[in-house]
């Protein structure tokens, strides 16, 4: 940098570095305290982040998920409901809600789940990725079977 360019001080939107760290920790605690499993994916469907309930639900390890294509993890073909919902969300910009699927877990067990997809936006409303929410509904289905 030459002398005509002054170095700009770091602008923190949360006050101080300590406040930023506390805010990040707070968001992470919220993210991990949800009952649903969340996977954040980029537009190329690569998983960039997941919450703890996602790993608990699927039995997958972080190293087996982060950086991988989400449809490659859970779909056997392009007609898979998850793949179709993600494509629909990318094309339309609209969420897909409560789609049913059998989720194959790391231990080989299948569980009944529903998922939803939605576009993530930054502060300027530009799309930055997609959130996929997974909810285990196997216990609900078991109770429904017992009632019928």
C-alpha atoms as a PDB file:
ATOM      1  CA  UNK A   1       0.000   0.000   0.000  1.00  0.00           C
ATOM      2  CA  UNK A   2       1.423   3.415  -0.923  1.00  0.00           C
ATOM      3  CA  UNK A   3       1.389   6.441   1.368  1.00  0.00           C
ATOM      4  CA  UNK A   4      -1.625   7.992  -0.402  1.00  0.00           C
ATOM      5  CA  UNK A   5      -3.822   5.103   0.718  1.00  0.00           C
ATOM      6  CA  UNK A   6      -4.667   5.132   4.384  1.00  0.00           C
ATOM      7  CA  UNK A   7      -5.275   1.839   6.061  1.00  0.00           C
ATOM      8  CA  UNK A   8      -8.914   1.679   7.131  1.00  0.00           C
ATOM      9  CA  UNK A   9      -9.625   0.432  10.639  1.00  0.00           C
ATOM     10  CA  UNK A  10     -11.554  -2.816  10.935  1.00  0.00           C
ATOM     11  CA  UNK A  11     -15.271  -2.069  11.127  1.00  0.00           C
ATOM     12  CA  UNK A  12     -17.115  -4.309  13.569  1.00  0.00           C
ATOM     13  CA  UNK A  13     -20.899  -4.356  13.332  1.00  0.00           C
ATOM     14  CA  UNK A  14     -21.221  -5.887  16.788  1.00  0.00           C
ATOM     15  CA  UNK A  15     -19.083  -3.400  18.747  1.00  0.00           C
ATOM     16  CA  UNK A  16     -15.912  -5.100  19.922  1.00  0.00           C
ATOM     17  CA  UNK A  17     -14.170  -8.345  19.044  1.00  0.00           C
ATOM     18  CA  UNK A  18     -15.335  -9.789  22.369  1.00  0.00           C
ATOM     19  CA  UNK A  19     -18.923  -8.844  21.535  1.00  0.00           C
ATOM     20  CA  UNK A  20     -18.579 -10.398  18.078  1.00  0.00           C
ATOM     21  CA  UNK A  21     -17.272 -13.642  19.572  1.00  0.00           C
ATOM     22  CA  UNK A  22     -20.069 -13.677  22.146  1.00  0.00           C
ATOM     23  CA  UNK A  23     -22.629 -13.017  19.408  1.00  0.00           C
ATOM     24  CA  UNK A  24     -21.188 -15.810  17.246  1.00  0.00           C
ATOM     25  CA  UNK A  25     -21.227 -18.191  20.207  1.00  0.00           C
ATOM     26  CA  UNK A  26     -24.829 -17.212  20.892  1.00  0.00           C
ATOM     27  CA  UNK A  27     -25.843 -17.904  17.274  1.00  0.00           C
ATOM     28  CA  UNK A  28     -24.002 -21.217  17.372  1.00  0.00           C
ATOM     29  CA  UNK A  29     -25.820 -22.204  20.586  1.00  0.00           C
ATOM     30  CA  UNK A  30     -29.174 -21.384  18.979  1.00  0.00           C
ATOM     31  CA  UNK A  31     -28.193 -23.225  15.793  1.00  0.00           C
ATOM     32  CA  UNK A  32     -27.270 -26.339  17.773  1.00  0.00           C
ATOM     33  CA  UNK A  33     -30.211 -26.270  20.202  1.00  0.00           C
ATOM     34  CA  UNK A  34     -32.851 -26.760  17.515  1.00  0.00           C
ATOM     35  CA  UNK A  35     -34.591 -30.128  17.278  1.00  0.00           C
ATOM     36  CA  UNK A  36     -34.321 -30.157  13.497  1.00  0.00           C
ATOM     37  CA  UNK A  37     -31.187 -30.987  11.581  1.00  0.00           C
ATOM     38  CA  UNK A  38     -29.976 -28.083   9.453  1.00  0.00           C
ATOM     39  CA  UNK A  39     -27.643 -28.275   6.503  1.00  0.00           C
ATOM     40  CA  UNK A  40     -26.430 -25.104   4.793  1.00  0.00           C
ATOM     41  CA  UNK A  41     -25.483 -25.612   1.167  1.00  0.00           C
ATOM     42  CA  UNK A  42     -24.036 -23.467  -1.579  1.00  0.00           C
ATOM     43  CA  UNK A  43     -25.684 -23.049  -4.967  1.00  0.00           C
ATOM     44  CA  UNK A  44     -23.703 -26.036  -6.261  1.00  0.00           C
ATOM     45  CA  UNK A  45     -25.349 -28.119  -3.483  1.00  0.00           C
ATOM     46  CA  UNK A  46     -22.096 -28.478  -1.521  1.00  0.00           C
ATOM     47  CA  UNK A  47     -22.644 -28.671   2.238  1.00  0.00           C
ATOM     48  CA  UNK A  48     -20.879 -25.803   4.001  1.00  0.00           C
ATOM     49  CA  UNK A  49     -22.259 -26.128   7.548  1.00  0.00           C
ATOM     50  CA  UNK A  50     -24.522 -28.367   9.631  1.00  0.00           C
ATOM     51  CA  UNK A  51     -25.844 -28.215  13.161  1.00  0.00           C
ATOM     52  CA  UNK A  52     -25.341 -30.892  15.808  1.00  0.00           C
ATOM     53  CA  UNK A  53     -28.890 -32.304  15.442  1.00  0.00           C
ATOM     54  CA  UNK A  54     -28.177 -32.959  11.747  1.00  0.00           C
ATOM     55  CA  UNK A  55     -25.234 -35.181  12.677  1.00  0.00           C
ATOM     56  CA  UNK A  56     -27.242 -36.835  15.471  1.00  0.00           C
ATOM     57  CA  UNK A  57     -30.124 -37.563  13.073  1.00  0.00           C
ATOM     58  CA  UNK A  58     -28.042 -38.929  10.211  1.00  0.00           C
ATOM     59  CA  UNK A  59     -25.237 -40.524  12.199  1.00  0.00           C
ATOM     60  CA  UNK A  60     -22.796 -38.982   9.734  1.00  0.00           C
ATOM     61  CA  UNK A  61     -19.534 -37.366  10.757  1.00  0.00           C
ATOM     62  CA  UNK A  62     -18.714 -33.801   9.880  1.00  0.00           C
ATOM     63  CA  UNK A  63     -15.778 -34.948   7.734  1.00  0.00           C
ATOM     64  CA  UNK A  64     -18.139 -37.114   5.646  1.00  0.00           C
ATOM     65  CA  UNK A  65     -20.529 -34.213   4.999  1.00  0.00           C
ATOM     66  CA  UNK A  66     -18.797 -30.821   4.811  1.00  0.00           C
ATOM     67  CA  UNK A  67     -17.667 -30.082   1.268  1.00  0.00           C
ATOM     68  CA  UNK A  68     -19.772 -32.914  -0.186  1.00  0.00           C
ATOM     69  CA  UNK A  69     -22.761 -32.623  -2.501  1.00  0.00           C
ATOM     70  CA  UNK A  70     -25.876 -33.080  -0.350  1.00  0.00           C
ATOM     71  CA  UNK A  71     -27.760 -34.997  -3.023  1.00  0.00           C
ATOM     72  CA  UNK A  72     -24.832 -37.392  -3.410  1.00  0.00           C
ATOM     73  CA  UNK A  73     -25.144 -38.095   0.318  1.00  0.00           C
ATOM     74  CA  UNK A  74     -28.888 -38.795   0.330  1.00  0.00           C
ATOM     75  CA  UNK A  75     -30.084 -39.454  -3.231  1.00  0.00           C
ATOM     76  CA  UNK A  76     -29.636 -42.465  -5.461  1.00  0.00           C
ATOM     77  CA  UNK A  77     -30.737 -40.636  -8.620  1.00  0.00           C
ATOM     78  CA  UNK A  78     -31.712 -37.232 -10.023  1.00  0.00           C
ATOM     79  CA  UNK A  79     -35.433 -37.969  -9.450  1.00  0.00           C
ATOM     80  CA  UNK A  80     -34.886 -37.971  -5.672  1.00  0.00           C
ATOM     81  CA  UNK A  81     -37.330 -35.690  -3.863  1.00  0.00           C
ATOM     82  CA  UNK A  82     -34.559 -33.843  -2.045  1.00  0.00           C
ATOM     83  CA  UNK A  83     -32.742 -33.126  -5.307  1.00  0.00           C
ATOM     84  CA  UNK A  84     -35.967 -31.970  -6.968  1.00  0.00           C
ATOM     85  CA  UNK A  85     -36.846 -29.696  -4.028  1.00  0.00           C
ATOM     86  CA  UNK A  86     -33.399 -28.081  -4.054  1.00  0.00           C
ATOM     87  CA  UNK A  87     -33.599 -27.500  -7.808  1.00  0.00           C
ATOM     88  CA  UNK A  88     -37.100 -26.041  -7.432  1.00  0.00           C
ATOM     89  CA  UNK A  89     -35.893 -23.707  -4.675  1.00  0.00           C
ATOM     90  CA  UNK A  90     -32.895 -22.595  -6.760  1.00  0.00           C
ATOM     91  CA  UNK A  91     -35.050 -21.935  -9.852  1.00  0.00           C
ATOM     92  CA  UNK A  92     -38.058 -20.322  -8.158  1.00  0.00           C
ATOM     93  CA  UNK A  93     -36.422 -18.740  -5.125  1.00  0.00           C
ATOM     94  CA  UNK A  94     -39.346 -20.076  -3.096  1.00  0.00           C
ATOM     95  CA  UNK A  95     -39.213 -22.533  -0.197  1.00  0.00           C
ATOM     96  CA  UNK A  96     -40.349 -26.120  -0.429  1.00  0.00           C
ATOM     97  CA  UNK A  97     -42.002 -27.307   2.787  1.00  0.00           C
ATOM     98  CA  UNK A  98     -42.651 -30.634   4.484  1.00  0.00           C
ATOM     99  CA  UNK A  99     -41.607 -33.081   1.792  1.00  0.00           C
ATOM    100  CA  UNK A 100     -41.430 -36.685   3.004  1.00  0.00           C
ATOM    101  CA  UNK A 101     -38.407 -38.891   2.498  1.00  0.00           C
ATOM    102  CA  UNK A 102     -36.779 -42.013   3.855  1.00  0.00           C
ATOM    103  CA  UNK A 103     -33.440 -40.885   5.181  1.00  0.00           C
ATOM    104  CA  UNK A 104     -30.700 -43.500   5.016  1.00  0.00           C
ATOM    105  CA  UNK A 105     -28.502 -43.052   8.082  1.00  0.00           C
ATOM    106  CA  UNK A 106     -24.819 -43.884   8.438  1.00  0.00           C
ATOM    107  CA  UNK A 107     -25.665 -47.114  10.296  1.00  0.00           C
ATOM    108  CA  UNK A 108     -27.801 -48.308   7.346  1.00  0.00           C
ATOM    109  CA  UNK A 109     -31.062 -47.691   9.187  1.00  0.00           C
ATOM    110  CA  UNK A 110     -33.832 -45.832   7.345  1.00  0.00           C
ATOM    111  CA  UNK A 111     -35.849 -43.259   9.196  1.00  0.00           C
ATOM    112  CA  UNK A 112     -38.931 -41.380   8.072  1.00  0.00           C
ATOM    113  CA  UNK A 113     -38.204 -37.699   7.784  1.00  0.00           C
ATOM    114  CA  UNK A 114     -39.629 -34.554   6.317  1.00  0.00           C
ATOM    115  CA  UNK A 115     -37.494 -31.794   4.914  1.00  0.00           C
ATOM    116  CA  UNK A 116     -37.861 -28.211   3.793  1.00  0.00           C
ATOM    117  CA  UNK A 117     -35.643 -26.019   1.650  1.00  0.00           C
ATOM    118  CA  UNK A 118     -35.302 -22.251   1.609  1.00  0.00           C
ATOM    119  CA  UNK A 119     -32.978 -19.665   0.075  1.00  0.00           C
ATOM    120  CA  UNK A 120     -30.587 -17.869   2.440  1.00  0.00           C
ATOM    121  CA  UNK A 121     -30.049 -14.167   1.759  1.00  0.00           C
ATOM    122  CA  UNK A 122     -27.435 -11.703   2.933  1.00  0.00           C
ATOM    123  CA  UNK A 123     -28.254  -8.254   4.352  1.00  0.00           C
ATOM    124  CA  UNK A 124     -28.660  -6.893   0.815  1.00  0.00           C
ATOM    125  CA  UNK A 125     -31.160  -9.664  -0.089  1.00  0.00           C
ATOM    126  CA  UNK A 126     -28.694 -11.429  -2.376  1.00  0.00           C
ATOM    127  CA  UNK A 127     -28.961 -15.243  -2.339  1.00  0.00           C
ATOM    128  CA  UNK A 128     -26.006 -16.824  -0.542  1.00  0.00           C
ATOM    129  CA  UNK A 129     -27.067 -20.444  -0.276  1.00  0.00           C
ATOM    130  CA  UNK A 130     -29.836 -22.786   0.731  1.00  0.00           C
ATOM    131  CA  UNK A 131     -30.851 -24.145   4.099  1.00  0.00           C
ATOM    132  CA  UNK A 132     -32.236 -27.671   4.218  1.00  0.00           C
ATOM    133  CA  UNK A 133     -34.135 -28.578   7.384  1.00  0.00           C
ATOM    134  CA  UNK A 134     -34.611 -32.257   8.294  1.00  0.00           C
ATOM    135  CA  UNK A 135     -37.100 -33.454  10.902  1.00  0.00           C
ATOM    136  CA  UNK A 136     -37.411 -37.055  12.116  1.00  0.00           C
ATOM    137  CA  UNK A 137     -41.077 -38.103  11.972  1.00  0.00           C
ATOM    138  CA  UNK A 138     -40.572 -41.844  12.536  1.00  0.00           C
ATOM    139  CA  UNK A 139     -42.012 -41.733  16.083  1.00  0.00           C
ATOM    140  CA  UNK A 140     -45.088 -39.874  14.858  1.00  0.00           C
ATOM    141  CA  UNK A 141     -45.598 -42.488  12.140  1.00  0.00           C
ATOM    142  CA  UNK A 142     -45.222 -45.319  14.676  1.00  0.00           C
ATOM    143  CA  UNK A 143     -47.891 -43.737  16.882  1.00  0.00           C
ATOM    144  CA  UNK A 144     -50.197 -43.301  13.877  1.00  0.00           C
ATOM    145  CA  UNK A 145     -49.789 -47.000  13.030  1.00  0.00           C
ATOM    146  CA  UNK A 146     -50.707 -47.978  16.594  1.00  0.00           C
ATOM    147  CA  UNK A 147     -53.842 -45.827  16.461  1.00  0.00           C
ATOM    148  CA  UNK A 148     -55.084 -47.387  13.222  1.00  0.00           C
END
